[in-house]
Amino acid sequence: MEGCDWALLLQLCDAALPTGAFAHSYGMEAAKAAGAFSNDAGLRFRGAAAYVEATLRQQAALVLPLLRQALAVLKAGGGVDELRAVNAAATAALANGPAIRASQRQGVALARLALEAFPAHGTQALLRPLWKAGLRRQADAPHTVVSLAAVCHCYGVAAADAQKVILYTTTRDMMSAAVRLDLIGPIEAARLTASFGALLRELAVMPALHGEANPSRNPKPKPDPNANPYADPSPNPNRGATPWPVPEFAAEWDATLPAVHWEEPFAPGAPRQVNPILDIVQGQHDALYSRLFLS
């Protein structure tokens, strides 16, 4: 936490921070309604702990790259226009409506909070245009990751610490949702949160995923534009090892697909889905007859 106010980090992780996170379950309510936590469920979630772990791994692959990208463009001198580009990438990466709305609602709330509670060090110049755009048009509302990146940049929070904020608040909010959904009790929630410490540390310092710069590996050679990418059906040697187990069908697909070399601006940290079941389940939230959470 060197170089930034540690009290700000604790405040960003505080459940009392008025960003509306209390109203969202990361799809856990829809998963419960679908029977994902029953003993005979075929959705692979054996209890709330398994669902939380799957969501954390999804956040590490999908949201943390966006956070690093936003912090990188701000550090390089970028401004509101560059943040809008990252915001558009976040909307594209979140593939279901409830997740997009949840992220934008909390992002708008965090932007408004930052304008009032953290007005120093340039947050006004970065967040006010994004906040006003979200008020005019929901599709332009800043996502949580963009608002958080702006606050962290202005107050000198390192990318590693900002990633920890995302991972911890996700854990905190999901444990709170699990208690209110009567999946676990409050003491069990505290025990599980403590048990996730090693996983959170692992995800916070996780090596780069496919396509992301990693100094511990040799750089990937650029593909020959004249070569047939499907000529050799053998496993692709250019693919790095996945930092967590994946289903067998996904491993088979990953072994036969040609190498992907990102040339777009978001290449060094392209967000990706690692658990499509989560995305499918969360997308069913709007179909629930009665709901406790907004997502």
Protein backbone atom coordinates (compact mmCIF):
# COMPACT_ATOMS: atom_id res chain seq x y z
CA MET A 1 0.00 0.00 0.00
CA GLU A 2 2.98 2.27 -0.30
CA GLY A 3 2.37 5.53 -2.14
CA CYS A 4 -1.36 5.76 -1.38
CA ASP A 5 -3.65 6.35 1.55
CA TRP A 6 -4.34 2.95 3.11
CA ALA A 7 -7.47 4.37 4.73
CA LEU A 8 -8.88 5.00 1.22
CA LEU A 9 -8.37 1.34 0.33
CA LEU A 10 -10.20 0.25 3.48
CA GLN A 11 -13.02 2.66 2.67
CA LEU A 12 -13.32 1.31 -0.88
CA CYS A 13 -13.63 -2.19 0.59
CA ASP A 14 -16.15 -1.14 3.23
CA ALA A 15 -19.62 -2.64 2.84
CA ALA A 16 -21.06 0.66 4.08
CA LEU A 17 -19.79 2.50 1.00
CA PRO A 18 -23.01 3.70 -0.70
CA THR A 19 -22.55 2.22 -4.18
CA GLY A 20 -25.54 -0.13 -4.19
CA ALA A 21 -23.53 -3.36 -4.07
CA PHE A 22 -25.95 -4.67 -1.41
CA ALA A 23 -28.64 -5.04 -4.10
CA HIS A 24 -26.71 -7.45 -6.33
CA SER A 25 -25.96 -11.17 -5.99
CA TYR A 26 -23.76 -11.85 -9.05
CA GLY A 27 -26.39 -14.25 -10.33
CA MET A 28 -26.53 -16.28 -7.12
CA GLU A 29 -30.27 -15.71 -6.73
CA ALA A 30 -30.92 -16.99 -10.26
CA ALA A 31 -28.59 -19.92 -9.64
CA LYS A 32 -30.54 -20.88 -6.52
CA ALA A 33 -33.83 -20.65 -8.41
CA ALA A 34 -32.37 -22.91 -11.12
CA GLY A 35 -31.44 -25.54 -8.52
CA ALA A 36 -27.72 -25.05 -8.97
CA PHE A 37 -27.01 -25.70 -5.29
CA SER A 38 -29.06 -28.90 -4.92
CA ASN A 39 -27.35 -32.26 -4.63
CA ASP A 40 -28.66 -33.49 -7.98
CA ALA A 41 -27.91 -30.29 -9.92
CA GLY A 42 -26.01 -30.60 -13.17
CA LEU A 43 -24.54 -27.11 -13.08
CA ARG A 44 -21.39 -28.15 -11.18
CA PHE A 45 -21.87 -25.84 -8.19
CA ARG A 46 -21.55 -27.79 -4.94
CA GLY A 47 -22.70 -25.12 -2.52
CA ALA A 48 -22.22 -21.39 -2.25
CA ALA A 49 -18.46 -21.67 -1.82
CA ALA A 50 -18.03 -23.30 -5.25
CA TYR A 51 -20.17 -20.62 -6.88
CA VAL A 52 -18.19 -17.82 -5.22
CA GLU A 53 -14.89 -19.38 -6.30
CA ALA A 54 -16.09 -19.74 -9.89
CA THR A 55 -17.20 -16.11 -9.91
CA LEU A 56 -13.88 -14.92 -8.51
CA ARG A 57 -11.99 -16.74 -11.24
CA GLN A 58 -14.35 -15.21 -13.78
CA GLN A 59 -13.69 -11.75 -12.33
CA ALA A 60 -9.93 -12.32 -12.54
CA ALA A 61 -10.14 -13.18 -16.23
CA LEU A 62 -12.86 -10.73 -17.26
CA VAL A 63 -12.75 -7.64 -15.03
CA LEU A 64 -9.15 -7.38 -13.83
CA PRO A 65 -7.78 -7.03 -17.39
CA LEU A 66 -10.17 -4.11 -17.91
CA LEU A 67 -9.01 -2.53 -14.65
CA ARG A 68 -5.36 -2.86 -15.64
CA GLN A 69 -6.11 -1.43 -19.08
CA ALA A 70 -7.91 1.58 -17.61
CA LEU A 71 -5.09 2.27 -15.16
CA ALA A 72 -2.51 1.87 -17.93
CA VAL A 73 -4.13 4.39 -20.27
CA LEU A 74 -4.52 6.89 -17.42
CA LYS A 75 -0.90 6.43 -16.40
CA ALA A 76 0.12 7.04 -20.01
CA GLY A 77 -1.63 10.40 -19.97
CA GLY A 78 -5.03 9.35 -21.28
CA GLY A 79 -8.24 11.01 -20.22
CA VAL A 80 -11.99 10.79 -20.57
CA ASP A 81 -11.95 9.58 -24.19
CA GLU A 82 -9.64 6.69 -23.34
CA LEU A 83 -11.81 5.75 -20.37
CA ARG A 84 -14.85 5.74 -22.66
CA ALA A 85 -13.06 3.22 -24.89
CA VAL A 86 -12.38 0.95 -21.90
CA ASN A 87 -15.99 1.43 -20.81
CA ALA A 88 -17.21 0.28 -24.24
CA ALA A 89 -14.94 -2.77 -23.96
CA ALA A 90 -16.47 -3.56 -20.55
CA THR A 91 -19.98 -3.45 -22.03
CA ALA A 92 -18.89 -5.81 -24.81
CA ALA A 93 -17.16 -8.19 -22.40
CA LEU A 94 -20.16 -8.53 -20.06
CA ALA A 95 -22.40 -10.69 -22.18
CA ASN A 96 -25.70 -10.56 -20.28
CA GLY A 97 -28.08 -7.74 -19.44
CA PRO A 98 -28.28 -8.15 -15.64
CA ALA A 99 -24.47 -8.07 -15.33
CA ILE A 100 -24.19 -4.97 -17.52
CA ARG A 101 -26.89 -3.12 -15.58
CA ALA A 102 -25.40 -4.11 -12.22
CA SER A 103 -21.94 -2.93 -13.24
CA GLN A 104 -23.22 0.36 -14.63
CA ARG A 105 -25.51 1.14 -11.71
CA GLN A 106 -22.68 0.63 -9.26
CA GLY A 107 -20.29 2.51 -11.54
CA VAL A 108 -22.59 5.55 -11.65
CA ALA A 109 -23.04 5.39 -7.87
CA LEU A 110 -19.27 5.18 -7.32
CA ALA A 111 -18.66 8.07 -9.73
CA ARG A 112 -21.18 10.26 -7.92
CA LEU A 113 -19.73 9.23 -4.56
CA ALA A 114 -16.20 10.06 -5.73
CA LEU A 115 -17.28 13.50 -6.94
CA GLU A 116 -18.66 14.28 -3.49
CA ALA A 117 -16.38 12.32 -1.12
CA PHE A 118 -13.10 12.11 -3.08
CA PRO A 119 -13.06 15.37 -5.06
CA ALA A 120 -9.30 15.96 -5.01
CA HIS A 121 -6.47 15.00 -7.35
CA GLY A 122 -8.39 15.28 -10.61
CA THR A 123 -11.37 13.00 -10.01
CA GLN A 124 -13.70 15.82 -11.06
CA ALA A 125 -12.15 16.11 -14.52
CA LEU A 126 -12.23 12.36 -15.12
CA LEU A 127 -15.51 11.27 -13.59
CA ARG A 128 -17.90 14.19 -14.01
CA PRO A 129 -18.18 13.80 -17.83
CA LEU A 130 -18.71 10.05 -17.46
CA TRP A 131 -21.27 10.50 -14.70
CA LYS A 132 -23.22 13.09 -16.70
CA ALA A 133 -23.14 10.87 -19.79
CA GLY A 134 -24.63 8.03 -17.74
CA LEU A 135 -27.42 10.28 -16.53
CA ARG A 136 -28.30 11.22 -20.10
CA ARG A 137 -28.08 7.72 -21.57
CA GLN A 138 -27.88 4.43 -19.67
CA ALA A 139 -25.74 2.79 -22.34
CA ASP A 140 -22.99 5.39 -21.73
CA ALA A 141 -22.96 4.96 -17.95
CA PRO A 142 -19.52 4.17 -16.49
CA HIS A 143 -18.93 0.63 -15.31
CA THR A 144 -17.71 -0.03 -11.79
CA VAL A 145 -14.26 -0.97 -13.03
CA VAL A 146 -13.89 2.35 -14.90
CA SER A 147 -15.02 4.50 -11.97
CA LEU A 148 -12.75 2.55 -9.61
CA ALA A 149 -9.80 2.92 -11.97
CA ALA A 150 -10.30 6.69 -12.09
CA VAL A 151 -10.40 6.98 -8.29
CA CYS A 152 -7.38 4.70 -7.84
CA HIS A 153 -5.36 6.59 -10.46
CA CYS A 154 -6.12 9.99 -8.97
CA TYR A 155 -5.20 8.87 -5.46
CA GLY A 156 -2.08 6.91 -6.40
CA VAL A 157 -3.42 3.41 -5.70
CA ALA A 158 -1.25 0.78 -7.37
CA ALA A 159 -2.81 -1.63 -9.86
CA ALA A 160 -2.07 -4.58 -7.56
CA ASP A 161 -4.01 -2.96 -4.71
CA ALA A 162 -6.88 -1.95 -7.02
CA GLN A 163 -7.18 -5.57 -8.12
CA LYS A 164 -7.42 -6.65 -4.49
CA VAL A 165 -10.28 -4.20 -3.98
CA ILE A 166 -12.21 -5.79 -6.87
CA LEU A 167 -11.61 -9.34 -5.65
CA TYR A 168 -12.39 -8.65 -2.00
CA THR A 169 -15.55 -6.64 -2.66
CA THR A 170 -16.79 -9.40 -4.96
CA THR A 171 -16.24 -11.94 -2.19
CA ARG A 172 -17.86 -9.67 0.39
CA ASP A 173 -20.96 -8.99 -1.69
CA MET A 174 -21.47 -12.62 -2.65
CA MET A 175 -21.14 -13.83 0.93
CA SER A 176 -23.70 -11.23 1.98
CA ALA A 177 -26.03 -12.43 -0.78
CA ALA A 178 -25.56 -16.07 0.22
CA VAL A 179 -26.57 -15.26 3.80
CA ARG A 180 -29.70 -13.38 2.72
CA LEU A 181 -30.62 -16.20 0.34
CA ASP A 182 -30.37 -18.62 3.28
CA LEU A 183 -27.65 -20.66 1.62
CA ILE A 184 -25.24 -20.22 4.53
CA GLY A 185 -25.23 -18.52 7.93
CA PRO A 186 -23.26 -15.41 8.88
CA ILE A 187 -20.60 -17.32 10.79
CA GLU A 188 -20.14 -19.71 7.88
CA ALA A 189 -19.86 -16.68 5.58
CA ALA A 190 -17.07 -15.28 7.75
CA ARG A 191 -15.31 -18.65 7.78
CA LEU A 192 -15.54 -19.01 4.01
CA THR A 193 -14.31 -15.46 3.43
CA ALA A 194 -11.25 -16.22 5.54
CA SER A 195 -10.69 -19.48 3.69
CA PHE A 196 -10.62 -17.64 0.36
CA GLY A 197 -7.54 -15.67 1.41
CA ALA A 198 -5.11 -17.90 -0.48
CA LEU A 199 -7.28 -17.86 -3.61
CA LEU A 200 -7.56 -14.06 -3.53
CA ARG A 201 -3.78 -13.72 -3.24
CA GLU A 202 -3.34 -16.15 -6.13
CA LEU A 203 -5.76 -14.29 -8.39
CA ALA A 204 -4.39 -10.87 -7.46
CA VAL A 205 -0.89 -11.81 -8.64
CA MET A 206 -1.96 -14.28 -11.32
CA PRO A 207 0.39 -14.50 -14.30
CA ALA A 208 -0.92 -13.00 -17.50
CA LEU A 209 -3.51 -14.96 -19.44
CA HIS A 210 -3.36 -15.87 -23.13
CA GLY A 211 -2.28 -12.90 -25.19
CA GLU A 212 -1.12 -10.82 -22.22
CA ALA A 213 2.47 -9.76 -21.75
CA ASN A 214 4.34 -11.97 -19.32
CA PRO A 215 8.04 -11.34 -18.70
CA SER A 216 8.55 -14.91 -17.46
CA ARG A 217 7.78 -16.33 -20.93
CA ASN A 218 9.45 -15.91 -24.26
CA PRO A 219 7.51 -13.60 -26.57
CA LYS A 220 5.15 -15.40 -28.93
CA PRO A 221 6.16 -15.38 -32.58
CA LYS A 222 3.81 -13.57 -34.93
CA PRO A 223 1.81 -15.90 -37.16
CA ASP A 224 2.67 -16.35 -40.81
CA PRO A 225 -0.18 -14.68 -42.74
CA ASN A 226 0.26 -17.21 -45.57
CA ALA A 227 0.15 -20.26 -43.33
CA ASN A 228 -2.96 -22.38 -42.91
CA PRO A 229 -3.84 -22.20 -39.18
CA TYR A 230 -5.76 -25.48 -39.44
CA ALA A 231 -3.02 -27.47 -41.16
CA ASP A 232 -1.65 -29.03 -37.96
CA PRO A 233 -4.32 -30.54 -35.69
CA SER A 234 -1.80 -31.18 -32.89
CA PRO A 235 -2.02 -29.16 -29.63
CA ASN A 236 -0.82 -25.62 -30.07
CA PRO A 237 2.61 -25.16 -28.40
CA ASN A 238 2.16 -21.38 -28.26
CA ARG A 239 -0.68 -21.52 -25.77
CA GLY A 240 0.32 -20.88 -22.17
CA ALA A 241 -0.84 -23.06 -19.31
CA THR A 242 -4.23 -22.10 -17.91
CA PRO A 243 -3.77 -20.96 -14.28
CA TRP A 244 -6.76 -23.04 -13.07
CA PRO A 245 -8.46 -26.32 -14.06
CA VAL A 246 -10.95 -26.11 -16.92
CA PRO A 247 -13.66 -28.56 -17.98
CA GLU A 248 -12.51 -31.38 -20.26
CA PHE A 249 -14.53 -30.14 -23.24
CA ALA A 250 -12.96 -26.66 -22.90
CA ALA A 251 -9.46 -28.17 -22.68
CA GLU A 252 -10.09 -30.14 -25.88
CA TRP A 253 -11.24 -27.03 -27.72
CA ASP A 254 -8.28 -25.05 -26.39
CA ALA A 255 -5.85 -27.69 -27.64
CA THR A 256 -7.17 -27.74 -31.22
CA LEU A 257 -7.79 -24.05 -31.85
CA PRO A 258 -5.12 -22.03 -33.67
CA ALA A 259 -3.08 -19.47 -31.77
CA VAL A 260 -4.73 -16.12 -31.18
CA HIS A 261 -2.45 -13.09 -31.53
CA TRP A 262 -4.18 -9.95 -30.38
CA GLU A 263 -3.48 -6.93 -32.56
CA GLU A 264 -6.25 -4.70 -31.16
CA PRO A 265 -5.54 -1.88 -28.67
CA PHE A 266 -6.73 -4.08 -25.80
CA ALA A 267 -4.36 -6.91 -26.70
CA PRO A 268 -2.22 -6.81 -23.53
CA GLY A 269 -4.99 -7.93 -21.21
CA ALA A 270 -7.92 -8.91 -23.38
CA PRO A 271 -10.83 -9.85 -21.09
CA ARG A 272 -12.37 -13.27 -21.62
CA GLN A 273 -15.04 -15.55 -20.25
CA VAL A 274 -13.75 -18.65 -18.45
CA ASN A 275 -17.07 -20.01 -17.17
CA PRO A 276 -19.96 -19.55 -19.61
CA ILE A 277 -22.33 -21.34 -17.22
CA LEU A 278 -22.09 -18.36 -14.87
CA ASP A 279 -23.01 -16.02 -17.70
CA ILE A 280 -25.99 -18.16 -18.70
CA VAL A 281 -27.29 -18.46 -15.13
CA GLN A 282 -26.89 -14.77 -14.37
CA GLY A 283 -28.70 -13.87 -17.57
CA GLN A 284 -31.80 -15.69 -16.27
CA HIS A 285 -32.26 -13.28 -13.39
CA ASP A 286 -34.74 -11.10 -15.28
CA ALA A 287 -36.99 -14.14 -15.79
CA LEU A 288 -37.47 -14.74 -12.05
CA TYR A 289 -41.06 -14.24 -10.91
CA SER A 290 -40.06 -12.78 -7.56
CA ARG A 291 -36.65 -11.31 -6.80
CA LEU A 292 -34.75 -10.13 -3.75
CA PHE A 293 -31.83 -8.68 -5.74
CA LEU A 294 -31.52 -6.51 -8.84
CA SER A 295 -29.07 -8.97 -10.39
